Amino acid sequence: MDITLNKSGQLAIVLVGGRMDTLSAPEFEKKMQEWIGQGETRFVVDFHNLDYISSAGLRSLMVVAKDARARGGELVCCALKGVVKQVFDVSGFSALLPVYGSMDDATKGG
């Protein structure tokens, strides 16, 4: 899995690519926790290049979202497609986390 952080004003834009599964989800969670520890709290996670997400990936997202909220921040997701969008919809995650169709929609007003 590829994880890249780009800053846009107060937003931390996280680009995720590949697969977020049992093997790679802990890496995602660890990186995000490091960035939260460095003071980042407002995240937009771009899933445009993510091909697959498992329940372990969803769990890591929820852990990070709760940590960001606990520090007065937020985690939003954008650009879900294919299997990733289906997993979000079927699992109900689309109702638990803010999900936007595109990066532009996710960053408006941010």
PDB file of N, CA and C in Angstrom:
ATOM      1  N   MET A   1       0.841  -1.176   0.000  1.00  0.00           N
ATOM      2  CA  MET A   1       0.000   0.000   0.000  1.00  0.00           C
ATOM      3  C   MET A   1       0.888   1.240   0.000  1.00  0.00           C
ATOM      4  N   ASP A   2       0.468   2.237  -0.752  1.00  0.00           N
ATOM      5  CA  ASP A   2       1.159   3.518  -0.792  1.00  0.00           C
ATOM      6  C   ASP A   2       0.381   4.526   0.036  1.00  0.00           C
ATOM      7  N   ILE A   3       1.091   5.294   0.874  1.00  0.00           N
ATOM      8  CA  ILE A   3       0.465   6.318   1.707  1.00  0.00           C
ATOM      9  C   ILE A   3       1.311   7.583   1.587  1.00  0.00           C
ATOM     10  N   THR A   4       0.682   8.668   1.142  1.00  0.00           N
ATOM     11  CA  THR A   4       1.393   9.929   0.974  1.00  0.00           C
ATOM     12  C   THR A   4       0.590  11.044   1.623  1.00  0.00           C
ATOM     13  N   LEU A   5       1.274  11.944   2.317  1.00  0.00           N
ATOM     14  CA  LEU A   5       0.627  13.093   2.945  1.00  0.00           C
ATOM     15  C   LEU A   5       1.023  14.351   2.198  1.00  0.00           C
ATOM     16  N   ASN A   6       0.020  15.138   1.812  1.00  0.00           N
ATOM     17  CA  ASN A   6       0.234  16.454   1.220  1.00  0.00           C
ATOM     18  C   ASN A   6      -0.554  17.462   2.037  1.00  0.00           C
ATOM     19  N   LYS A   7       0.018  18.623   2.256  1.00  0.00           N
ATOM     20  CA  LYS A   7      -0.675  19.670   3.010  1.00  0.00           C
ATOM     21  C   LYS A   7      -1.360  20.639   2.051  1.00  0.00           C
ATOM     22  N   SER A   8      -2.555  21.060   2.423  1.00  0.00           N
ATOM     23  CA  SER A   8      -3.279  22.094   1.699  1.00  0.00           C
ATOM     24  C   SER A   8      -3.897  22.995   2.757  1.00  0.00           C
ATOM     25  N   GLY A   9      -3.185  24.056   3.115  1.00  0.00           N
ATOM     26  CA  GLY A   9      -3.633  24.906   4.212  1.00  0.00           C
ATOM     27  C   GLY A   9      -3.638  24.118   5.501  1.00  0.00           C
ATOM     28  N   GLN A  10      -4.791  24.091   6.176  1.00  0.00           N
ATOM     29  CA  GLN A  10      -4.919  23.353   7.436  1.00  0.00           C
ATOM     30  C   GLN A  10      -5.271  21.877   7.225  1.00  0.00           C
ATOM     31  N   LEU A  11      -5.511  21.497   5.963  1.00  0.00           N
ATOM     32  CA  LEU A  11      -5.891  20.116   5.675  1.00  0.00           C
ATOM     33  C   LEU A  11      -4.675  19.241   5.408  1.00  0.00           C
ATOM     34  N   ALA A  12      -4.741  18.027   5.912  1.00  0.00           N
ATOM     35  CA  ALA A  12      -3.747  17.004   5.588  1.00  0.00           C
ATOM     36  C   ALA A  12      -4.427  16.075   4.586  1.00  0.00           C
ATOM     37  N   ILE A  13      -3.951  16.097   3.359  1.00  0.00           N
ATOM     38  CA  ILE A  13      -4.529  15.262   2.311  1.00  0.00           C
ATOM     39  C   ILE A  13      -3.702  13.985   2.223  1.00  0.00           C
ATOM     40  N   VAL A  14      -4.365  12.860   2.462  1.00  0.00           N
ATOM     41  CA  VAL A  14      -3.691  11.567   2.491  1.00  0.00           C
ATOM     42  C   VAL A  14      -4.107  10.779   1.254  1.00  0.00           C
ATOM     43  N   LEU A  15      -3.131  10.473   0.413  1.00  0.00           N
ATOM     44  CA  LEU A  15      -3.380   9.682  -0.787  1.00  0.00           C
ATOM     45  C   LEU A  15      -3.043   8.234  -0.466  1.00  0.00           C
ATOM     46  N   VAL A  16      -4.008   7.347  -0.693  1.00  0.00           N
ATOM     47  CA  VAL A  16      -3.833   5.933  -0.377  1.00  0.00           C
ATOM     48  C   VAL A  16      -4.003   5.136  -1.668  1.00  0.00           C
ATOM     49  N   GLY A  17      -3.082   4.217  -1.919  1.00  0.00           N
ATOM     50  CA  GLY A  17      -3.177   3.402  -3.126  1.00  0.00           C
ATOM     51  C   GLY A  17      -2.858   1.948  -2.846  1.00  0.00           C
ATOM     52  N   GLY A  18      -3.362   1.082  -3.710  1.00  0.00           N
ATOM     53  CA  GLY A  18      -3.105  -0.348  -3.568  1.00  0.00           C
ATOM     54  C   GLY A  18      -4.213  -1.048  -2.810  1.00  0.00           C
ATOM     55  N   ARG A  19      -3.830  -1.802  -1.779  1.00  0.00           N
ATOM     56  CA  ARG A  19      -4.777  -2.572  -0.975  1.00  0.00           C
ATOM     57  C   ARG A  19      -4.627  -2.217   0.501  1.00  0.00           C
ATOM     58  N   MET A  20      -5.758  -2.014   1.168  1.00  0.00           N
ATOM     59  CA  MET A  20      -5.740  -1.798   2.618  1.00  0.00           C
ATOM     60  C   MET A  20      -6.393  -3.028   3.239  1.00  0.00           C
ATOM     61  N   ASP A  21      -5.544  -3.968   3.654  1.00  0.00           N
ATOM     62  CA  ASP A  21      -6.039  -5.231   4.173  1.00  0.00           C
ATOM     63  C   ASP A  21      -5.359  -5.554   5.499  1.00  0.00           C
ATOM     64  N   THR A  22      -5.473  -6.777   5.935  1.00  0.00           N
ATOM     65  CA  THR A  22      -4.928  -7.187   7.230  1.00  0.00           C
ATOM     66  C   THR A  22      -3.442  -6.894   7.359  1.00  0.00           C
ATOM     67  N   LEU A  23      -2.709  -7.014   6.257  1.00  0.00           N
ATOM     68  CA  LEU A  23      -1.267  -6.764   6.296  1.00  0.00           C
ATOM     69  C   LEU A  23      -0.922  -5.281   6.265  1.00  0.00           C
ATOM     70  N   SER A  24      -1.664  -4.488   5.485  1.00  0.00           N
ATOM     71  CA  SER A  24      -1.285  -3.090   5.303  1.00  0.00           C
ATOM     72  C   SER A  24      -2.049  -2.099   6.175  1.00  0.00           C
ATOM     73  N   ALA A  25      -3.208  -2.483   6.701  1.00  0.00           N
ATOM     74  CA  ALA A  25      -3.992  -1.564   7.541  1.00  0.00           C
ATOM     75  C   ALA A  25      -3.209  -1.079   8.762  1.00  0.00           C
ATOM     76  N   PRO A  26      -2.444  -1.946   9.446  1.00  0.00           N
ATOM     77  CA  PRO A  26      -1.662  -1.442  10.582  1.00  0.00           C
ATOM     78  C   PRO A  26      -0.639  -0.372  10.168  1.00  0.00           C
ATOM     79  N   GLU A  27      -0.102  -0.491   8.971  1.00  0.00           N
ATOM     80  CA  GLU A  27       0.836   0.522   8.465  1.00  0.00           C
ATOM     81  C   GLU A  27       0.114   1.854   8.279  1.00  0.00           C
ATOM     82  N   PHE A  28      -1.095   1.810   7.704  1.00  0.00           N
ATOM     83  CA  PHE A  28      -1.897   3.014   7.529  1.00  0.00           C
ATOM     84  C   PHE A  28      -2.181   3.658   8.882  1.00  0.00           C
ATOM     85  N   GLU A  29      -2.639   2.841   9.827  1.00  0.00           N
ATOM     86  CA  GLU A  29      -2.989   3.350  11.152  1.00  0.00           C
ATOM     87  C   GLU A  29      -1.771   3.971  11.842  1.00  0.00           C
ATOM     88  N   LYS A  30      -0.617   3.313  11.736  1.00  0.00           N
ATOM     89  CA  LYS A  30       0.607   3.819  12.367  1.00  0.00           C
ATOM     90  C   LYS A  30       1.014   5.169  11.771  1.00  0.00           C
ATOM     91  N   LYS A  31       0.992   5.275  10.446  1.00  0.00           N
ATOM     92  CA  LYS A  31       1.347   6.549   9.790  1.00  0.00           C
ATOM     93  C   LYS A  31       0.406   7.662  10.215  1.00  0.00           C
ATOM     94  N   MET A  32      -0.898   7.355  10.204  1.00  0.00           N
ATOM     95  CA  MET A  32      -1.888   8.365  10.574  1.00  0.00           C
ATOM     96  C   MET A  32      -1.701   8.796  12.031  1.00  0.00           C
ATOM     97  N   GLN A  33      -1.423   7.842  12.915  1.00  0.00           N
ATOM     98  CA  GLN A  33      -1.196   8.173  14.324  1.00  0.00           C
ATOM     99  C   GLN A  33       0.036   9.062  14.477  1.00  0.00           C
ATOM    100  N   GLU A  34       1.062   8.808  13.681  1.00  0.00           N
ATOM    101  CA  GLU A  34       2.261   9.660  13.711  1.00  0.00           C
ATOM    102  C   GLU A  34       1.898  11.084  13.322  1.00  0.00           C
ATOM    103  N   TRP A  35       1.116  11.229  12.249  1.00  0.00           N
ATOM    104  CA  TRP A  35       0.727  12.567  11.801  1.00  0.00           C
ATOM    105  C   TRP A  35      -0.166  13.263  12.823  1.00  0.00           C
ATOM    106  N   ILE A  36      -1.058  12.512  13.465  1.00  0.00           N
ATOM    107  CA  ILE A  36      -1.883  13.092  14.532  1.00  0.00           C
ATOM    108  C   ILE A  36      -0.983  13.546  15.673  1.00  0.00           C
ATOM    109  N   GLY A  37       0.008  12.729  16.010  1.00  0.00           N
ATOM    110  CA  GLY A  37       0.964  13.090  17.061  1.00  0.00           C
ATOM    111  C   GLY A  37       1.762  14.338  16.739  1.00  0.00           C
ATOM    112  N   GLN A  38       1.912  14.632  15.438  1.00  0.00           N
ATOM    113  CA  GLN A  38       2.630  15.833  15.002  1.00  0.00           C
ATOM    114  C   GLN A  38       1.705  17.046  14.892  1.00  0.00           C
ATOM    115  N   GLY A  39       0.430  16.851  15.280  1.00  0.00           N
ATOM    116  CA  GLY A  39      -0.488  17.977  15.319  1.00  0.00           C
ATOM    117  C   GLY A  39      -1.509  18.038  14.195  1.00  0.00           C
ATOM    118  N   GLU A  40      -1.460  17.100  13.249  1.00  0.00           N
ATOM    119  CA  GLU A  40      -2.464  17.078  12.182  1.00  0.00           C
ATOM    120  C   GLU A  40      -3.772  16.535  12.752  1.00  0.00           C
ATOM    121  N   THR A  41      -4.881  17.191  12.434  1.00  0.00           N
ATOM    122  CA  THR A  41      -6.169  16.698  12.925  1.00  0.00           C
ATOM    123  C   THR A  41      -7.258  16.726  11.852  1.00  0.00           C
ATOM    124  N   ARG A  42      -7.034  17.451  10.775  1.00  0.00           N
ATOM    125  CA  ARG A  42      -8.053  17.561   9.720  1.00  0.00           C
ATOM    126  C   ARG A  42      -7.547  16.822   8.485  1.00  0.00           C
ATOM    127  N   PHE A  43      -8.124  15.641   8.250  1.00  0.00           N
ATOM    128  CA  PHE A  43      -7.668  14.758   7.179  1.00  0.00           C
ATOM    129  C   PHE A  43      -8.715  14.576   6.085  1.00  0.00           C
ATOM    130  N   VAL A  44      -8.260  14.610   4.853  1.00  0.00           N
ATOM    131  CA  VAL A  44      -9.048  14.151   3.712  1.00  0.00           C
ATOM    132  C   VAL A  44      -8.284  12.954   3.157  1.00  0.00           C
ATOM    133  N   VAL A  45      -8.907  11.776   3.200  1.00  0.00           N
ATOM    134  CA  VAL A  45      -8.264  10.570   2.689  1.00  0.00           C
ATOM    135  C   VAL A  45      -8.815  10.295   1.298  1.00  0.00           C
ATOM    136  N   ASP A  46      -7.920  10.356   0.305  1.00  0.00           N
ATOM    137  CA  ASP A  46      -8.276  10.169  -1.101  1.00  0.00           C
ATOM    138  C   ASP A  46      -8.081   8.700  -1.476  1.00  0.00           C
ATOM    139  N   PHE A  47      -9.178   8.022  -1.794  1.00  0.00           N
ATOM    140  CA  PHE A  47      -9.150   6.597  -2.113  1.00  0.00           C
ATOM    141  C   PHE A  47      -9.135   6.316  -3.614  1.00  0.00           C
ATOM    142  N   HIS A  48      -8.896   7.338  -4.418  1.00  0.00           N
ATOM    143  CA  HIS A  48      -8.936   7.185  -5.878  1.00  0.00           C
ATOM    144  C   HIS A  48      -8.074   6.021  -6.374  1.00  0.00           C
ATOM    145  N   ASN A  49      -6.905   5.830  -5.771  1.00  0.00           N
ATOM    146  CA  ASN A  49      -5.990   4.774  -6.206  1.00  0.00           C
ATOM    147  C   ASN A  49      -6.035   3.521  -5.327  1.00  0.00           C
ATOM    148  N   LEU A  50      -7.047   3.437  -4.442  1.00  0.00           N
ATOM    149  CA  LEU A  50      -7.178   2.244  -3.601  1.00  0.00           C
ATOM    150  C   LEU A  50      -8.029   1.218  -4.336  1.00  0.00           C
ATOM    151  N   ASP A  51      -7.504   0.008  -4.482  1.00  0.00           N
ATOM    152  CA  ASP A  51      -8.187  -1.050  -5.222  1.00  0.00           C
ATOM    153  C   ASP A  51      -9.031  -1.949  -4.338  1.00  0.00           C
ATOM    154  N   TYR A  52      -8.691  -2.023  -3.039  1.00  0.00           N
ATOM    155  CA  TYR A  52      -9.376  -2.962  -2.153  1.00  0.00           C
ATOM    156  C   TYR A  52      -9.259  -2.489  -0.716  1.00  0.00           C
ATOM    157  N   ILE A  53     -10.322  -2.699   0.065  1.00  0.00           N
ATOM    158  CA  ILE A  53     -10.275  -2.445   1.504  1.00  0.00           C
ATOM    159  C   ILE A  53     -10.999  -3.583   2.216  1.00  0.00           C
ATOM    160  N   SER A  54     -10.390  -4.081   3.288  1.00  0.00           N
ATOM    161  CA  SER A  54     -10.980  -5.171   4.074  1.00  0.00           C
ATOM    162  C   SER A  54     -11.553  -4.603   5.366  1.00  0.00           C
ATOM    163  N   SER A  55     -12.113  -5.478   6.172  1.00  0.00           N
ATOM    164  CA  SER A  55     -12.638  -5.047   7.474  1.00  0.00           C
ATOM    165  C   SER A  55     -11.513  -4.499   8.351  1.00  0.00           C
ATOM    166  N   ALA A  56     -10.306  -5.010   8.182  1.00  0.00           N
ATOM    167  CA  ALA A  56      -9.163  -4.473   8.947  1.00  0.00           C
ATOM    168  C   ALA A  56      -8.894  -3.033   8.543  1.00  0.00           C
ATOM    169  N   GLY A  57      -9.036  -2.732   7.270  1.00  0.00           N
ATOM    170  CA  GLY A  57      -8.861  -1.357   6.796  1.00  0.00           C
ATOM    171  C   GLY A  57      -9.939  -0.443   7.339  1.00  0.00           C
ATOM    172  N   LEU A  58     -11.170  -0.921   7.348  1.00  0.00           N
ATOM    173  CA  LEU A  58     -12.273  -0.129   7.906  1.00  0.00           C
ATOM    174  C   LEU A  58     -12.044   0.145   9.386  1.00  0.00           C
ATOM    175  N   ARG A  59     -11.563  -0.858  10.102  1.00  0.00           N
ATOM    176  CA  ARG A  59     -11.280  -0.689  11.526  1.00  0.00           C
ATOM    177  C   ARG A  59     -10.220   0.388  11.741  1.00  0.00           C
ATOM    178  N   SER A  60      -9.160   0.344  10.947  1.00  0.00           N
ATOM    179  CA  SER A  60      -8.096   1.346  11.071  1.00  0.00           C
ATOM    180  C   SER A  60      -8.620   2.745  10.785  1.00  0.00           C
ATOM    181  N   LEU A  61      -9.472   2.868   9.787  1.00  0.00           N
ATOM    182  CA  LEU A  61     -10.081   4.170   9.485  1.00  0.00           C
ATOM    183  C   LEU A  61     -10.871   4.692  10.675  1.00  0.00           C
ATOM    184  N   MET A  62     -11.648   3.808  11.299  1.00  0.00           N
ATOM    185  CA  MET A  62     -12.470   4.229  12.433  1.00  0.00           C
ATOM    186  C   MET A  62     -11.610   4.644  13.620  1.00  0.00           C
ATOM    187  N   VAL A  63     -10.549   3.900  13.896  1.00  0.00           N
ATOM    188  CA  VAL A  63      -9.632   4.247  14.990  1.00  0.00           C
ATOM    189  C   VAL A  63      -9.037   5.634  14.755  1.00  0.00           C
ATOM    190  N   VAL A  64      -8.576   5.871  13.536  1.00  0.00           N
ATOM    191  CA  VAL A  64      -7.943   7.158  13.215  1.00  0.00           C
ATOM    192  C   VAL A  64      -8.976   8.285  13.268  1.00  0.00           C
ATOM    193  N   ALA A  65     -10.178   8.036  12.749  1.00  0.00           N
ATOM    194  CA  ALA A  65     -11.224   9.062  12.777  1.00  0.00           C
ATOM    195  C   ALA A  65     -11.568   9.441  14.209  1.00  0.00           C
ATOM    196  N   LYS A  66     -11.662   8.460  15.099  1.00  0.00           N
ATOM    197  CA  LYS A  66     -11.966   8.739  16.514  1.00  0.00           C
ATOM    198  C   LYS A  66     -10.840   9.537  17.157  1.00  0.00           C
ATOM    199  N   ASP A  67      -9.596   9.187  16.853  1.00  0.00           N
ATOM    200  CA  ASP A  67      -8.461   9.929  17.411  1.00  0.00           C
ATOM    201  C   ASP A  67      -8.435  11.367  16.912  1.00  0.00           C
ATOM    202  N   ALA A  68      -8.711  11.561  15.632  1.00  0.00           N
ATOM    203  CA  ALA A  68      -8.739  12.926  15.084  1.00  0.00           C
ATOM    204  C   ALA A  68      -9.859  13.732  15.743  1.00  0.00           C
ATOM    205  N   ARG A  69     -11.044  13.119  15.902  1.00  0.00           N
ATOM    206  CA  ARG A  69     -12.174  13.805  16.547  1.00  0.00           C
ATOM    207  C   ARG A  69     -11.858  14.161  17.996  1.00  0.00           C
ATOM    208  N   ALA A  70     -11.164  13.271  18.691  1.00  0.00           N
ATOM    209  CA  ALA A  70     -10.818  13.511  20.088  1.00  0.00           C
ATOM    210  C   ALA A  70      -9.915  14.729  20.235  1.00  0.00           C
ATOM    211  N   ARG A  71      -9.215  15.087  19.162  1.00  0.00           N
ATOM    212  CA  ARG A  71      -8.339  16.266  19.185  1.00  0.00           C
ATOM    213  C   ARG A  71      -8.963  17.455  18.464  1.00  0.00           C
ATOM    214  N   GLY A  72     -10.280  17.389  18.261  1.00  0.00           N
ATOM    215  CA  GLY A  72     -11.002  18.501  17.647  1.00  0.00           C
ATOM    216  C   GLY A  72     -10.940  18.510  16.133  1.00  0.00           C
ATOM    217  N   GLY A  73     -10.538  17.417  15.533  1.00  0.00           N
ATOM    218  CA  GLY A  73     -10.410  17.363  14.082  1.00  0.00           C
ATOM    219  C   GLY A  73     -11.458  16.481  13.444  1.00  0.00           C
ATOM    220  N   GLU A  74     -11.145  16.060  12.228  1.00  0.00           N
ATOM    221  CA  GLU A  74     -12.091  15.261  11.468  1.00  0.00           C
ATOM    222  C   GLU A  74     -11.340  14.474  10.398  1.00  0.00           C
ATOM    223  N   LEU A  75     -11.908  13.342  10.014  1.00  0.00           N
ATOM    224  CA  LEU A  75     -11.404  12.564   8.889  1.00  0.00           C
ATOM    225  C   LEU A  75     -12.553  12.397   7.911  1.00  0.00           C
ATOM    226  N   VAL A  76     -12.333  12.811   6.668  1.00  0.00           N
ATOM    227  CA  VAL A  76     -13.321  12.605   5.619  1.00  0.00           C
ATOM    228  C   VAL A  76     -12.674  11.791   4.505  1.00  0.00           C
ATOM    229  N   CYS A  77     -13.503  11.102   3.751  1.00  0.00           N
ATOM    230  CA  CYS A  77     -13.027  10.244   2.665  1.00  0.00           C
ATOM    231  C   CYS A  77     -13.553  10.777   1.342  1.00  0.00           C
ATOM    232  N   CYS A  78     -12.800  10.516   0.278  1.00  0.00           N
ATOM    233  CA  CYS A  78     -13.277  10.932  -1.035  1.00  0.00           C
ATOM    234  C   CYS A  78     -12.793   9.975  -2.118  1.00  0.00           C
ATOM    235  N   ALA A  79     -13.465  10.072  -3.263  1.00  0.00           N
ATOM    236  CA  ALA A  79     -13.093   9.372  -4.491  1.00  0.00           C
ATOM    237  C   ALA A  79     -13.112   7.850  -4.354  1.00  0.00           C
ATOM    238  N   LEU A  80     -14.103   7.336  -3.627  1.00  0.00           N
ATOM    239  CA  LEU A  80     -14.257   5.885  -3.531  1.00  0.00           C
ATOM    240  C   LEU A  80     -14.752   5.352  -4.871  1.00  0.00           C
ATOM    241  N   LYS A  81     -14.258   4.182  -5.249  1.00  0.00           N
ATOM    242  CA  LYS A  81     -14.697   3.590  -6.517  1.00  0.00           C
ATOM    243  C   LYS A  81     -14.710   2.071  -6.412  1.00  0.00           C
ATOM    244  N   GLY A  82     -15.440   1.452  -7.300  1.00  0.00           N
ATOM    245  CA  GLY A  82     -15.441  -0.001  -7.428  1.00  0.00           C
ATOM    246  C   GLY A  82     -15.717  -0.730  -6.124  1.00  0.00           C
ATOM    247  N   VAL A  83     -14.857  -1.712  -5.849  1.00  0.00           N
ATOM    248  CA  VAL A  83     -15.006  -2.573  -4.675  1.00  0.00           C
ATOM    249  C   VAL A  83     -14.937  -1.765  -3.382  1.00  0.00           C
ATOM    250  N   VAL A  84     -14.093  -0.747  -3.346  1.00  0.00           N
ATOM    251  CA  VAL A  84     -13.953   0.068  -2.129  1.00  0.00           C
ATOM    252  C   VAL A  84     -15.280   0.760  -1.816  1.00  0.00           C
ATOM    253  N   LYS A  85     -15.917   1.331  -2.831  1.00  0.00           N
ATOM    254  CA  LYS A  85     -17.213   1.985  -2.629  1.00  0.00           C
ATOM    255  C   LYS A  85     -18.256   0.963  -2.184  1.00  0.00           C
ATOM    256  N   GLN A  86     -18.256  -0.216  -2.794  1.00  0.00           N
ATOM    257  CA  GLN A  86     -19.204  -1.258  -2.408  1.00  0.00           C
ATOM    258  C   GLN A  86     -19.019  -1.664  -0.948  1.00  0.00           C
ATOM    259  N   VAL A  87     -17.778  -1.842  -0.520  1.00  0.00           N
ATOM    260  CA  VAL A  87     -17.504  -2.226   0.869  1.00  0.00           C
ATOM    261  C   VAL A  87     -17.993  -1.141   1.827  1.00  0.00           C
ATOM    262  N   PHE A  88     -17.737   0.127   1.496  1.00  0.00           N
ATOM    263  CA  PHE A  88     -18.223   1.230   2.334  1.00  0.00           C
ATOM    264  C   PHE A  88     -19.742   1.208   2.430  1.00  0.00           C
ATOM    265  N   ASP A  89     -20.409   1.028   1.288  1.00  0.00           N
ATOM    266  CA  ASP A  89     -21.874   1.058   1.272  1.00  0.00           C
ATOM    267  C   ASP A  89     -22.475  -0.128   2.017  1.00  0.00           C
ATOM    268  N   VAL A  90     -21.986  -1.329   1.753  1.00  0.00           N
ATOM    269  CA  VAL A  90     -22.532  -2.538   2.375  1.00  0.00           C
ATOM    270  C   VAL A  90     -22.282  -2.561   3.881  1.00  0.00           C
ATOM    271  N   SER A  91     -21.109  -2.073   4.298  1.00  0.00           N
ATOM    272  CA  SER A  91     -20.755  -2.099   5.724  1.00  0.00           C
ATOM    273  C   SER A  91     -21.416  -0.970   6.518  1.00  0.00           C
ATOM    274  N   GLY A  92     -21.957   0.017   5.820  1.00  0.00           N
ATOM    275  CA  GLY A  92     -22.555   1.159   6.501  1.00  0.00           C
ATOM    276  C   GLY A  92     -21.568   2.264   6.818  1.00  0.00           C
ATOM    277  N   PHE A  93     -20.317   2.122   6.385  1.00  0.00           N
ATOM    278  CA  PHE A  93     -19.304   3.135   6.670  1.00  0.00           C
ATOM    279  C   PHE A  93     -19.611   4.462   5.991  1.00  0.00           C
ATOM    280  N   SER A  94     -20.359   4.407   4.894  1.00  0.00           N
ATOM    281  CA  SER A  94     -20.736   5.644   4.208  1.00  0.00           C
ATOM    282  C   SER A  94     -21.596   6.530   5.105  1.00  0.00           C
ATOM    283  N   ALA A  95     -22.253   5.927   6.084  1.00  0.00           N
ATOM    284  CA  ALA A  95     -23.072   6.686   7.027  1.00  0.00           C
ATOM    285  C   ALA A  95     -22.272   7.092   8.269  1.00  0.00           C
ATOM    286  N   LEU A  96     -21.152   6.418   8.525  1.00  0.00           N
ATOM    287  CA  LEU A  96     -20.358   6.694   9.723  1.00  0.00           C
ATOM    288  C   LEU A  96     -19.317   7.791   9.516  1.00  0.00           C
ATOM    289  N   LEU A  97     -18.777   7.862   8.312  1.00  0.00           N
ATOM    290  CA  LEU A  97     -17.756   8.866   7.997  1.00  0.00           C
ATOM    291  C   LEU A  97     -18.244   9.716   6.835  1.00  0.00           C
ATOM    292  N   PRO A  98     -17.883  11.008   6.825  1.00  0.00           N
ATOM    293  CA  PRO A  98     -18.232  11.826   5.669  1.00  0.00           C
ATOM    294  C   PRO A  98     -17.526  11.299   4.423  1.00  0.00           C
ATOM    295  N   VAL A  99     -18.299  11.089   3.354  1.00  0.00           N
ATOM    296  CA  VAL A  99     -17.750  10.581   2.100  1.00  0.00           C
ATOM    297  C   VAL A  99     -18.151  11.534   0.980  1.00  0.00           C
ATOM    298  N   TYR A 100     -17.162  11.958   0.192  1.00  0.00           N
ATOM    299  CA  TYR A 100     -17.387  12.875  -0.919  1.00  0.00           C
ATOM    300  C   TYR A 100     -16.983  12.205  -2.222  1.00  0.00           C
ATOM    301  N   GLY A 101     -17.629  12.607  -3.301  1.00  0.00           N
ATOM    302  CA  GLY A 101     -17.358  12.019  -4.602  1.00  0.00           C
ATOM    303  C   GLY A 101     -15.995  12.354  -5.163  1.00  0.00           C
ATOM    304  N   SER A 102     -15.495  13.537  -4.821  1.00  0.00           N
ATOM    305  CA  SER A 102     -14.213  13.975  -5.377  1.00  0.00           C
ATOM    306  C   SER A 102     -13.414  14.762  -4.343  1.00  0.00           C
ATOM    307  N   MET A 103     -12.134  14.952  -4.650  1.00  0.00           N
ATOM    308  CA  MET A 103     -11.271  15.755  -3.788  1.00  0.00           C
ATOM    309  C   MET A 103     -11.792  17.187  -3.724  1.00  0.00           C
ATOM    310  N   ASP A 104     -12.237  17.724  -4.850  1.00  0.00           N
ATOM    311  CA  ASP A 104     -12.762  19.097  -4.865  1.00  0.00           C
ATOM    312  C   ASP A 104     -13.926  19.248  -3.897  1.00  0.00           C
ATOM    313  N   ASP A 105     -14.859  18.297  -3.921  1.00  0.00           N
ATOM    314  CA  ASP A 105     -16.002  18.349  -2.996  1.00  0.00           C
ATOM    315  C   ASP A 105     -15.549  18.244  -1.549  1.00  0.00           C
ATOM    316  N   ALA A 106     -14.572  17.379  -1.289  1.00  0.00           N
ATOM    317  CA  ALA A 106     -14.104  17.150   0.080  1.00  0.00           C
ATOM    318  C   ALA A 106     -13.363  18.354   0.658  1.00  0.00           C
ATOM    319  N   THR A 107     -12.713  19.122  -0.191  1.00  0.00           N
ATOM    320  CA  THR A 107     -11.895  20.229   0.306  1.00  0.00           C
ATOM    321  C   THR A 107     -12.578  21.588   0.234  1.00  0.00           C
ATOM    322  N   LYS A 108     -13.757  21.661  -0.295  1.00  0.00           N
ATOM    323  CA  LYS A 108     -14.485  22.945  -0.353  1.00  0.00           C
ATOM    324  C   LYS A 108     -14.669  23.493   1.055  1.00  0.00           C
ATOM    325  N   GLY A 109     -14.262  24.691   1.241  1.00  0.00           N
ATOM    326  CA  GLY A 109     -14.430  25.320   2.532  1.00  0.00           C
ATOM    327  C   GLY A 109     -13.397  24.885   3.550  1.00  0.00           C
ATOM    328  N   GLY A 110     -12.484  23.988   3.137  1.00  0.00           N
ATOM    329  CA  GLY A 110     -11.494  23.504   4.068  1.00  0.00           C
ATOM    330  C   GLY A 110     -10.244  24.296   3.974  1.00  0.00           C
TER     331      GLY A 110
END
